[in-house]
PDB file of N, CA and C in Angstrom:
ATOM      1  N   UNK A   1     310.124 274.425  81.703  1.00  0.00           N
ATOM      2  CA  UNK A   1     309.324 274.217  80.508  1.00  0.00           C
ATOM      3  C   UNK A   1     308.313 273.119  80.786  1.00  0.00           C
ATOM      4  N   UNK A   2     307.079 273.368  80.479  1.00  0.00           N
ATOM      5  CA  UNK A   2     305.989 272.430  80.721  1.00  0.00           C
ATOM      6  C   UNK A   2     305.921 271.431  79.576  1.00  0.00           C
ATOM      7  N   UNK A   3     305.805 270.155  79.915  1.00  0.00           N
ATOM      8  CA  UNK A   3     305.648 269.116  78.897  1.00  0.00           C
ATOM      9  C   UNK A   3     304.170 268.952  78.586  1.00  0.00           C
ATOM     10  N   UNK A   4     303.851 268.895  77.323  1.00  0.00           N
ATOM     11  CA  UNK A   4     302.473 268.762  76.889  1.00  0.00           C
ATOM     12  C   UNK A   4     302.239 267.330  76.437  1.00  0.00           C
ATOM     13  N   UNK A   5     301.170 266.737  76.906  1.00  0.00           N
ATOM     14  CA  UNK A   5     300.847 265.369  76.510  1.00  0.00           C
ATOM     15  C   UNK A   5     300.261 265.361  75.104  1.00  0.00           C
ATOM     16  N   UNK A   6     300.299 264.211  74.482  1.00  0.00           N
ATOM     17  CA  UNK A   6     299.728 264.060  73.143  1.00  0.00           C
ATOM     18  C   UNK A   6     298.245 264.401  73.169  1.00  0.00           C
ATOM     19  N   UNK A   7     297.552 263.982  74.217  1.00  0.00           N
ATOM     20  CA  UNK A   7     296.122 264.265  74.335  1.00  0.00           C
ATOM     21  C   UNK A   7     295.866 265.766  74.380  1.00  0.00           C
ATOM     22  N   UNK A   8     296.698 266.518  75.130  1.00  0.00           N
ATOM     23  CA  UNK A   8     296.532 267.964  75.212  1.00  0.00           C
ATOM     24  C   UNK A   8     296.755 268.621  73.852  1.00  0.00           C
ATOM     25  N   UNK A   9     297.718 268.110  73.115  1.00  0.00           N
ATOM     26  CA  UNK A   9     297.985 268.651  71.780  1.00  0.00           C
ATOM     27  C   UNK A   9     296.793 268.407  70.867  1.00  0.00           C
ATOM     28  N   UNK A  10     296.255 267.191  70.906  1.00  0.00           N
ATOM     29  CA  UNK A  10     295.090 266.857  70.081  1.00  0.00           C
ATOM     30  C   UNK A  10     293.916 267.754  70.449  1.00  0.00           C
ATOM     31  N   UNK A  11     293.703 267.978  71.738  1.00  0.00           N
ATOM     32  CA  UNK A  11     292.606 268.834  72.172  1.00  0.00           C
ATOM     33  C   UNK A  11     292.788 270.267  71.687  1.00  0.00           C
ATOM     34  N   UNK A  12     294.019 270.760  71.709  1.00  0.00           N
ATOM     35  CA  UNK A  12     294.282 272.114  71.237  1.00  0.00           C
ATOM     36  C   UNK A  12     294.023 272.230  69.744  1.00  0.00           C
ATOM     37  N   UNK A  13     294.410 271.218  69.002  1.00  0.00           N
ATOM     38  CA  UNK A  13     294.224 271.243  67.556  1.00  0.00           C
ATOM     39  C   UNK A  13     292.752 271.171  67.202  1.00  0.00           C
ATOM     40  N   UNK A  14     291.991 270.382  67.931  1.00  0.00           N
ATOM     41  CA  UNK A  14     290.568 270.234  67.614  1.00  0.00           C
ATOM     42  C   UNK A  14     289.698 271.277  68.292  1.00  0.00           C
ATOM     43  N   UNK A  15     290.273 272.048  69.202  1.00  0.00           N
ATOM     44  CA  UNK A  15     289.527 273.095  69.909  1.00  0.00           C
ATOM     45  C   UNK A  15     289.481 274.347  69.044  1.00  0.00           C
ATOM     46  N   UNK A  16     288.286 274.782  68.610  1.00  0.00           N
ATOM     47  CA  UNK A  16     288.197 275.952  67.739  1.00  0.00           C
ATOM     48  C   UNK A  16     288.616 277.248  68.426  1.00  0.00           C
ATOM     49  N   UNK A  17     288.709 277.247  69.744  1.00  0.00           N
ATOM     50  CA  UNK A  17     289.098 278.465  70.435  1.00  0.00           C
ATOM     51  C   UNK A  17     290.613 278.668  70.457  1.00  0.00           C
ATOM     52  N   UNK A  18     291.372 277.670  70.015  1.00  0.00           N
ATOM     53  CA  UNK A  18     292.827 277.794  69.979  1.00  0.00           C
ATOM     54  C   UNK A  18     293.208 278.896  69.008  1.00  0.00           C
ATOM     55  N   UNK A  19     294.135 279.738  69.402  1.00  0.00           N
ATOM     56  CA  UNK A  19     294.549 280.848  68.555  1.00  0.00           C
ATOM     57  C   UNK A  19     295.129 280.332  67.237  1.00  0.00           C
ATOM     58  N   UNK A  20     294.733 280.963  66.156  1.00  0.00           N
ATOM     59  CA  UNK A  20     295.189 280.565  64.833  1.00  0.00           C
ATOM     60  C   UNK A  20     296.687 280.772  64.701  1.00  0.00           C
ATOM     61  N   UNK A  21     297.192 281.880  65.216  1.00  0.00           N
ATOM     62  CA  UNK A  21     298.616 282.175  65.080  1.00  0.00           C
ATOM     63  C   UNK A  21     299.464 281.085  65.719  1.00  0.00           C
ATOM     64  N   UNK A  22     299.063 280.582  66.866  1.00  0.00           N
ATOM     65  CA  UNK A  22     299.821 279.542  67.544  1.00  0.00           C
ATOM     66  C   UNK A  22     299.791 278.241  66.760  1.00  0.00           C
ATOM     67  N   UNK A  23     298.707 278.024  66.007  1.00  0.00           N
ATOM     68  CA  UNK A  23     298.556 276.787  65.263  1.00  0.00           C
ATOM     69  C   UNK A  23     299.044 276.899  63.824  1.00  0.00           C
ATOM     70  N   UNK A  24     299.656 278.017  63.461  1.00  0.00           N
ATOM     71  CA  UNK A  24     300.113 278.214  62.097  1.00  0.00           C
ATOM     72  C   UNK A  24     301.188 277.188  61.757  1.00  0.00           C
ATOM     73  N   UNK A  25     301.028 276.568  60.613  1.00  0.00           N
ATOM     74  CA  UNK A  25     301.973 275.551  60.172  1.00  0.00           C
ATOM     75  C   UNK A  25     303.351 276.164  59.922  1.00  0.00           C
ATOM     76  N   UNK A  26     304.414 275.395  60.161  1.00  0.00           N
ATOM     77  CA  UNK A  26     305.768 275.911  59.912  1.00  0.00           C
ATOM     78  C   UNK A  26     305.956 276.419  58.481  1.00  0.00           C
ATOM     79  N   UNK A  27     305.344 275.757  57.521  1.00  0.00           N
ATOM     80  CA  UNK A  27     305.448 276.184  56.124  1.00  0.00           C
ATOM     81  C   UNK A  27     304.852 277.578  55.940  1.00  0.00           C
ATOM     82  N   UNK A  28     303.719 277.816  56.586  1.00  0.00           N
ATOM     83  CA  UNK A  28     303.078 279.130  56.503  1.00  0.00           C
ATOM     84  C   UNK A  28     303.932 280.201  57.184  1.00  0.00           C
ATOM     85  N   UNK A  29     304.526 279.848  58.311  1.00  0.00           N
ATOM     86  CA  UNK A  29     305.400 280.781  59.011  1.00  0.00           C
ATOM     87  C   UNK A  29     306.623 281.121  58.162  1.00  0.00           C
ATOM     88  N   UNK A  30     307.198 280.104  57.527  1.00  0.00           N
ATOM     89  CA  UNK A  30     308.352 280.297  56.654  1.00  0.00           C
ATOM     90  C   UNK A  30     307.991 281.236  55.509  1.00  0.00           C
ATOM     91  N   UNK A  31     306.874 280.965  54.837  1.00  0.00           N
ATOM     92  CA  UNK A  31     306.448 281.799  53.714  1.00  0.00           C
ATOM     93  C   UNK A  31     306.148 283.225  54.143  1.00  0.00           C
ATOM     94  N   UNK A  32     305.504 283.375  55.290  1.00  0.00           N
ATOM     95  CA  UNK A  32     305.187 284.716  55.787  1.00  0.00           C
ATOM     96  C   UNK A  32     306.467 285.490  56.077  1.00  0.00           C
ATOM     97  N   UNK A  33     307.426 284.841  56.714  1.00  0.00           N
ATOM     98  CA  UNK A  33     308.703 285.500  57.025  1.00  0.00           C
ATOM     99  C   UNK A  33     309.427 285.880  55.737  1.00  0.00           C
ATOM    100  N   UNK A  34     309.497 284.967  54.783  1.00  0.00           N
ATOM    101  CA  UNK A  34     310.169 285.257  53.509  1.00  0.00           C
ATOM    102  C   UNK A  34     309.465 286.393  52.769  1.00  0.00           C
ATOM    103  N   UNK A  35     308.143 286.365  52.749  1.00  0.00           N
ATOM    104  CA  UNK A  35     307.394 287.421  52.065  1.00  0.00           C
ATOM    105  C   UNK A  35     307.616 288.774  52.731  1.00  0.00           C
ATOM    106  N   UNK A  36     307.686 288.786  54.051  1.00  0.00           N
ATOM    107  CA  UNK A  36     307.941 290.023  54.791  1.00  0.00           C
ATOM    108  C   UNK A  36     309.324 290.588  54.433  1.00  0.00           C
ATOM    109  N   UNK A  37     310.314 289.733  54.429  1.00  0.00           N
ATOM    110  CA  UNK A  37     311.675 290.172  54.085  1.00  0.00           C
ATOM    111  C   UNK A  37     311.727 290.640  52.640  1.00  0.00           C
ATOM    112  N   UNK A  38     311.121 289.878  51.729  1.00  0.00           N
ATOM    113  CA  UNK A  38     311.131 290.227  50.306  1.00  0.00           C
ATOM    114  C   UNK A  38     310.465 291.569  50.053  1.00  0.00           C
ATOM    115  N   UNK A  39     309.356 291.807  50.736  1.00  0.00           N
ATOM    116  CA  UNK A  39     308.644 293.079  50.570  1.00  0.00           C
ATOM    117  C   UNK A  39     309.487 294.244  51.090  1.00  0.00           C
ATOM    118  N   UNK A  40     310.054 294.079  52.263  1.00  0.00           N
ATOM    119  CA  UNK A  40     310.860 295.146  52.857  1.00  0.00           C
ATOM    120  C   UNK A  40     312.107 295.453  52.038  1.00  0.00           C
ATOM    121  N   UNK A  41     312.633 294.431  51.357  1.00  0.00           N
ATOM    122  CA  UNK A  41     313.838 294.614  50.547  1.00  0.00           C
ATOM    123  C   UNK A  41     313.510 294.964  49.092  1.00  0.00           C
ATOM    124  N   UNK A  42     312.223 295.028  48.764  1.00  0.00           N
ATOM    125  CA  UNK A  42     311.756 295.366  47.415  1.00  0.00           C
ATOM    126  C   UNK A  42     312.262 294.369  46.370  1.00  0.00           C
ATOM    127  N   UNK A  43     312.176 293.073  46.710  1.00  0.00           N
ATOM    128  CA  UNK A  43     312.545 292.038  45.745  1.00  0.00           C
ATOM    129  C   UNK A  43     311.440 291.895  44.708  1.00  0.00           C
ATOM    130  N   UNK A  44     311.829 291.634  43.470  1.00  0.00           N
ATOM    131  CA  UNK A  44     310.860 291.358  42.414  1.00  0.00           C
ATOM    132  C   UNK A  44     310.236 289.982  42.671  1.00  0.00           C
ATOM    133  N   UNK A  45     309.137 289.654  41.990  1.00  0.00           N
ATOM    134  CA  UNK A  45     308.552 288.313  42.172  1.00  0.00           C
ATOM    135  C   UNK A  45     309.545 287.186  41.875  1.00  0.00           C
ATOM    136  N   UNK A  46     310.340 287.329  40.826  1.00  0.00           N
ATOM    137  CA  UNK A  46     311.303 286.276  40.489  1.00  0.00           C
ATOM    138  C   UNK A  46     312.430 286.218  41.527  1.00  0.00           C
ATOM    139  N   UNK A  47     312.888 287.384  41.972  1.00  0.00           N
ATOM    140  CA  UNK A  47     313.911 287.409  43.024  1.00  0.00           C
ATOM    141  C   UNK A  47     313.374 286.770  44.300  1.00  0.00           C
ATOM    142  N   UNK A  48     312.089 286.967  44.574  1.00  0.00           N
ATOM    143  CA  UNK A  48     311.469 286.359  45.747  1.00  0.00           C
ATOM    144  C   UNK A  48     311.462 284.844  45.621  1.00  0.00           C
ATOM    145  N   UNK A  49     311.166 284.333  44.424  1.00  0.00           N
ATOM    146  CA  UNK A  49     311.218 282.885  44.200  1.00  0.00           C
ATOM    147  C   UNK A  49     312.614 282.352  44.486  1.00  0.00           C
ATOM    148  N   UNK A  50     313.610 283.014  43.937  1.00  0.00           N
ATOM    149  CA  UNK A  50     314.998 282.592  44.128  1.00  0.00           C
ATOM    150  C   UNK A  50     315.368 282.697  45.607  1.00  0.00           C
ATOM    151  N   UNK A  51     314.980 283.793  46.245  1.00  0.00           N
ATOM    152  CA  UNK A  51     315.243 284.000  47.658  1.00  0.00           C
ATOM    153  C   UNK A  51     314.681 282.846  48.499  1.00  0.00           C
ATOM    154  N   UNK A  52     313.438 282.456  48.245  1.00  0.00           N
ATOM    155  CA  UNK A  52     312.821 281.380  49.020  1.00  0.00           C
ATOM    156  C   UNK A  52     313.544 280.054  48.803  1.00  0.00           C
ATOM    157  N   UNK A  53     313.971 279.805  47.587  1.00  0.00           N
ATOM    158  CA  UNK A  53     314.716 278.570  47.323  1.00  0.00           C
ATOM    159  C   UNK A  53     316.056 278.583  48.060  1.00  0.00           C
ATOM    160  N   UNK A  54     316.733 279.713  48.035  1.00  0.00           N
ATOM    161  CA  UNK A  54     317.994 279.838  48.769  1.00  0.00           C
ATOM    162  C   UNK A  54     317.756 279.670  50.269  1.00  0.00           C
ATOM    163  N   UNK A  55     316.660 280.229  50.767  1.00  0.00           N
ATOM    164  CA  UNK A  55     316.344 280.136  52.192  1.00  0.00           C
ATOM    165  C   UNK A  55     316.067 278.695  52.613  1.00  0.00           C
ATOM    166  N   UNK A  56     315.644 277.880  51.668  1.00  0.00           N
ATOM    167  CA  UNK A  56     315.420 276.454  51.932  1.00  0.00           C
ATOM    168  C   UNK A  56     316.707 275.639  51.796  1.00  0.00           C
ATOM    169  N   UNK A  57     317.799 276.329  51.468  1.00  0.00           N
ATOM    170  CA  UNK A  57     319.085 275.640  51.354  1.00  0.00           C
ATOM    171  C   UNK A  57     319.403 275.139  49.962  1.00  0.00           C
ATOM    172  N   UNK A  58     318.595 275.511  48.984  1.00  0.00           N
ATOM    173  CA  UNK A  58     318.841 275.069  47.610  1.00  0.00           C
ATOM    174  C   UNK A  58     320.047 275.785  47.034  1.00  0.00           C
ATOM    175  N   UNK A  59     320.750 275.101  46.129  1.00  0.00           N
ATOM    176  CA  UNK A  59     321.910 275.720  45.491  1.00  0.00           C
ATOM    177  C   UNK A  59     321.530 276.260  44.112  1.00  0.00           C
ATOM    178  N   UNK A  60     322.468 276.925  43.496  1.00  0.00           N
ATOM    179  CA  UNK A  60     322.200 277.584  42.214  1.00  0.00           C
ATOM    180  C   UNK A  60     321.833 276.594  41.113  1.00  0.00           C
ATOM    181  N   UNK A  61     322.448 275.418  41.126  1.00  0.00           N
ATOM    182  CA  UNK A  61     322.137 274.409  40.110  1.00  0.00           C
ATOM    183  C   UNK A  61     320.689 273.952  40.234  1.00  0.00           C
ATOM    184  N   UNK A  62     320.241 273.733  41.451  1.00  0.00           N
ATOM    185  CA  UNK A  62     318.846 273.335  41.684  1.00  0.00           C
ATOM    186  C   UNK A  62     317.902 274.422  41.172  1.00  0.00           C
ATOM    187  N   UNK A  63     318.197 275.674  41.507  1.00  0.00           N
ATOM    188  CA  UNK A  63     317.347 276.789  41.093  1.00  0.00           C
ATOM    189  C   UNK A  63     317.295 276.886  39.574  1.00  0.00           C
ATOM    190  N   UNK A  64     318.429 276.737  38.941  1.00  0.00           N
ATOM    191  CA  UNK A  64     318.512 276.775  37.477  1.00  0.00           C
ATOM    192  C   UNK A  64     317.590 275.719  36.860  1.00  0.00           C
ATOM    193  N   UNK A  65     317.655 274.512  37.379  1.00  0.00           N
ATOM    194  CA  UNK A  65     316.848 273.415  36.837  1.00  0.00           C
ATOM    195  C   UNK A  65     315.365 273.577  37.182  1.00  0.00           C
ATOM    196  N   UNK A  66     315.074 273.976  38.400  1.00  0.00           N
ATOM    197  CA  UNK A  66     313.683 274.105  38.848  1.00  0.00           C
ATOM    198  C   UNK A  66     312.945 275.221  38.109  1.00  0.00           C
ATOM    199  N   UNK A  67     313.618 276.353  37.904  1.00  0.00           N
ATOM    200  CA  UNK A  67     312.979 277.500  37.250  1.00  0.00           C
ATOM    201  C   UNK A  67     313.207 277.528  35.736  1.00  0.00           C
ATOM    202  N   UNK A  68     313.980 276.581  35.245  1.00  0.00           N
ATOM    203  CA  UNK A  68     314.310 276.471  33.827  1.00  0.00           C
ATOM    204  C   UNK A  68     314.859 277.821  33.312  1.00  0.00           C
ATOM    205  N   UNK A  69     315.928 278.254  33.951  1.00  0.00           N
ATOM    206  CA  UNK A  69     316.620 279.481  33.554  1.00  0.00           C
ATOM    207  C   UNK A  69     318.110 279.193  33.478  1.00  0.00           C
ATOM    208  N   UNK A  70     318.832 280.043  32.802  1.00  0.00           N
ATOM    209  CA  UNK A  70     320.260 279.814  32.611  1.00  0.00           C
ATOM    210  C   UNK A  70     321.051 280.061  33.885  1.00  0.00           C
ATOM    211  N   UNK A  71     322.260 279.527  33.890  1.00  0.00           N
ATOM    212  CA  UNK A  71     323.171 279.716  35.017  1.00  0.00           C
ATOM    213  C   UNK A  71     323.434 281.205  35.249  1.00  0.00           C
ATOM    214  N   UNK A  72     323.602 281.956  34.162  1.00  0.00           N
ATOM    215  CA  UNK A  72     323.866 283.393  34.287  1.00  0.00           C
ATOM    216  C   UNK A  72     322.664 284.154  34.847  1.00  0.00           C
ATOM    217  N   UNK A  73     321.458 283.720  34.491  1.00  0.00           N
ATOM    218  CA  UNK A  73     320.260 284.362  35.023  1.00  0.00           C
ATOM    219  C   UNK A  73     320.142 284.100  36.523  1.00  0.00           C
ATOM    220  N   UNK A  74     320.412 282.864  36.934  1.00  0.00           N
ATOM    221  CA  UNK A  74     320.396 282.545  38.365  1.00  0.00           C
ATOM    222  C   UNK A  74     321.437 283.392  39.084  1.00  0.00           C
ATOM    223  N   UNK A  75     322.610 283.477  38.502  1.00  0.00           N
ATOM    224  CA  UNK A  75     323.693 284.266  39.104  1.00  0.00           C
ATOM    225  C   UNK A  75     323.267 285.727  39.288  1.00  0.00           C
ATOM    226  N   UNK A  76     322.610 286.280  38.287  1.00  0.00           N
ATOM    227  CA  UNK A  76     322.155 287.671  38.360  1.00  0.00           C
ATOM    228  C   UNK A  76     321.094 287.838  39.448  1.00  0.00           C
ATOM    229  N   UNK A  77     320.146 286.908  39.515  1.00  0.00           N
ATOM    230  CA  UNK A  77     319.102 286.989  40.544  1.00  0.00           C
ATOM    231  C   UNK A  77     319.707 286.896  41.950  1.00  0.00           C
ATOM    232  N   UNK A  78     320.619 285.966  42.131  1.00  0.00           N
ATOM    233  CA  UNK A  78     321.256 285.795  43.440  1.00  0.00           C
ATOM    234  C   UNK A  78     322.031 287.056  43.809  1.00  0.00           C
ATOM    235  N   UNK A  79     322.734 287.624  42.850  1.00  0.00           N
ATOM    236  CA  UNK A  79     323.482 288.860  43.100  1.00  0.00           C
ATOM    237  C   UNK A  79     322.539 289.980  43.538  1.00  0.00           C
ATOM    238  N   UNK A  80     321.401 290.112  42.866  1.00  0.00           N
ATOM    239  CA  UNK A  80     320.426 291.147  43.213  1.00  0.00           C
ATOM    240  C   UNK A  80     319.820 290.900  44.598  1.00  0.00           C
ATOM    241  N   UNK A  81     319.496 289.649  44.893  1.00  0.00           N
ATOM    242  CA  UNK A  81     318.924 289.302  46.199  1.00  0.00           C
ATOM    243  C   UNK A  81     319.913 289.657  47.304  1.00  0.00           C
ATOM    244  N   UNK A  82     321.161 289.230  47.144  1.00  0.00           N
ATOM    245  CA  UNK A  82     322.179 289.513  48.161  1.00  0.00           C
ATOM    246  C   UNK A  82     322.356 291.024  48.340  1.00  0.00           C
ATOM    247  N   UNK A  83     322.384 291.739  47.237  1.00  0.00           N
ATOM    248  CA  UNK A  83     322.578 293.184  47.299  1.00  0.00           C
ATOM    249  C   UNK A  83     321.420 293.867  48.026  1.00  0.00           C
ATOM    250  N   UNK A  84     320.204 293.513  47.654  1.00  0.00           N
ATOM    251  CA  UNK A  84     319.027 294.146  48.266  1.00  0.00           C
ATOM    252  C   UNK A  84     318.873 293.771  49.742  1.00  0.00           C
ATOM    253  N   UNK A  85     319.330 292.577  50.107  1.00  0.00           N
ATOM    254  CA  UNK A  85     319.251 292.137  51.490  1.00  0.00           C
ATOM    255  C   UNK A  85     320.476 292.589  52.300  1.00  0.00           C
ATOM    256  N   UNK A  86     321.446 293.165  51.618  1.00  0.00           N
ATOM    257  CA  UNK A  86     322.678 293.628  52.271  1.00  0.00           C
ATOM    258  C   UNK A  86     323.400 292.489  52.985  1.00  0.00           C
ATOM    259  N   UNK A  87     323.521 291.359  52.271  1.00  0.00           N
ATOM    260  CA  UNK A  87     324.213 290.197  52.803  1.00  0.00           C
ATOM    261  C   UNK A  87     325.297 289.770  51.830  1.00  0.00           C
ATOM    262  N   UNK A  88     326.162 288.859  52.286  1.00  0.00           N
ATOM    263  CA  UNK A  88     327.282 288.435  51.454  1.00  0.00           C
ATOM    264  C   UNK A  88     327.422 286.925  51.319  1.00  0.00           C
ATOM    265  N   UNK A  89     326.568 286.173  52.006  1.00  0.00           N
ATOM    266  CA  UNK A  89     326.698 284.718  51.935  1.00  0.00           C
ATOM    267  C   UNK A  89     325.339 284.038  52.080  1.00  0.00           C
ATOM    268  N   UNK A  90     325.327 282.789  51.659  1.00  0.00           N
ATOM    269  CA  UNK A  90     324.122 281.974  51.778  1.00  0.00           C
ATOM    270  C   UNK A  90     323.754 281.802  53.255  1.00  0.00           C
ATOM    271  N   UNK A  91     324.760 281.635  54.107  1.00  0.00           N
ATOM    272  CA  UNK A  91     324.499 281.477  55.532  1.00  0.00           C
ATOM    273  C   UNK A  91     323.853 282.728  56.123  1.00  0.00           C
ATOM    274  N   UNK A  92     324.290 283.900  55.705  1.00  0.00           N
ATOM    275  CA  UNK A  92     323.664 285.139  56.177  1.00  0.00           C
ATOM    276  C   UNK A  92     322.196 285.194  55.769  1.00  0.00           C
ATOM    277  N   UNK A  93     321.890 284.723  54.557  1.00  0.00           N
ATOM    278  CA  UNK A  93     320.503 284.691  54.086  1.00  0.00           C
ATOM    279  C   UNK A  93     319.660 283.788  54.973  1.00  0.00           C
ATOM    280  N   UNK A  94     320.164 282.604  55.270  1.00  0.00           N
ATOM    281  CA  UNK A  94     319.441 281.662  56.123  1.00  0.00           C
ATOM    282  C   UNK A  94     319.265 282.250  57.527  1.00  0.00           C
ATOM    283  N   UNK A  95     320.319 282.857  58.059  1.00  0.00           N
ATOM    284  CA  UNK A  95     320.230 283.489  59.382  1.00  0.00           C
ATOM    285  C   UNK A  95     319.181 284.595  59.391  1.00  0.00           C
ATOM    286  N   UNK A  96     319.104 285.343  58.315  1.00  0.00           N
ATOM    287  CA  UNK A  96     318.126 286.422  58.206  1.00  0.00           C
ATOM    288  C   UNK A  96     316.706 285.876  58.295  1.00  0.00           C
ATOM    289  N   UNK A  97     316.443 284.811  57.570  1.00  0.00           N
ATOM    290  CA  UNK A  97     315.115 284.202  57.577  1.00  0.00           C
ATOM    291  C   UNK A  97     314.798 283.616  58.952  1.00  0.00           C
ATOM    292  N   UNK A  98     315.811 283.123  59.630  1.00  0.00           N
ATOM    293  CA  UNK A  98     315.614 282.545  60.962  1.00  0.00           C
ATOM    294  C   UNK A  98     315.640 283.598  62.062  1.00  0.00           C
ATOM    295  N   UNK A  99     315.581 284.871  61.686  1.00  0.00           N
ATOM    296  CA  UNK A  99     315.563 285.988  62.644  1.00  0.00           C
ATOM    297  C   UNK A  99     316.861 286.150  63.415  1.00  0.00           C
ATOM    298  N   UNK A 100     317.956 285.659  62.902  1.00  0.00           N
ATOM    299  CA  UNK A 100     319.222 285.780  63.592  1.00  0.00           C
ATOM    300  C   UNK A 100     319.991 287.016  63.172  1.00  0.00           C
ATOM    301  N   UNK A 101     319.545 287.642  62.093  1.00  0.00           N
ATOM    302  CA  UNK A 101     320.301 288.759  61.546  1.00  0.00           C
ATOM    303  C   UNK A 101     319.361 289.692  60.796  1.00  0.00           C
ATOM    304  N   UNK A 102     318.394 290.261  61.477  1.00  0.00           N
ATOM    305  CA  UNK A 102     317.359 291.074  60.837  1.00  0.00           C
ATOM    306  C   UNK A 102     317.834 292.510  60.697  1.00  0.00           C
ATOM    307  N   UNK A 103     318.437 292.820  59.559  1.00  0.00           N
ATOM    308  CA  UNK A 103     318.970 294.167  59.383  1.00  0.00           C
ATOM    309  C   UNK A 103     318.528 294.807  58.064  1.00  0.00           C
ATOM    310  N   UNK A 104     317.400 294.379  57.536  1.00  0.00           N
ATOM    311  CA  UNK A 104     316.872 294.962  56.314  1.00  0.00           C
ATOM    312  C   UNK A 104     316.424 296.390  56.615  1.00  0.00           C
ATOM    313  N   UNK A 105     316.832 297.292  55.777  1.00  0.00           N
ATOM    314  CA  UNK A 105     316.466 298.706  55.905  1.00  0.00           C
ATOM    315  C   UNK A 105     316.799 299.294  57.280  1.00  0.00           C
ATOM    316  N   UNK A 106     317.932 298.837  57.831  1.00  0.00           N
ATOM    317  CA  UNK A 106     318.406 299.400  59.083  1.00  0.00           C
ATOM    318  C   UNK A 106     317.700 298.914  60.323  1.00  0.00           C
ATOM    319  N   UNK A 107     316.876 297.849  60.215  1.00  0.00           N
ATOM    320  CA  UNK A 107     316.168 297.321  61.396  1.00  0.00           C
ATOM    321  C   UNK A 107     317.121 296.562  62.293  1.00  0.00           C
TER     322      UNK A 107
END
C-alpha cells in the first residue's frame, strides 16, 4: 500500500482533474448507498428516513424523538423496513449498508 503525503492529498483535492467519484465525501457515499438500498427495497420516504437513522446506529427512542412520532409508529416503520430488507436485526441492517450482506431482491 502506497503512503500518500499530506501535500499529495492537498494537490489532489485542489486539482480539478481529480475524479469526482474518488473525492466524494463519506456522507454523500453513505446517502447514496442508503438511497440505492431503499429504492431497491421499495421503502416509502418515511421508511427511508427511519432506515437511514437505523443505519447510523440510532435507536428507536432517538427516532421517536427526532421525527416526533409515537413509539408504536416507530415500531411499525422498523418492522416494515426489516421486512422489506429481508433482515432480522439492527446489525444486519448496518452490515447491509456497509456492503457486507447485500441480498436485496436476491442480489
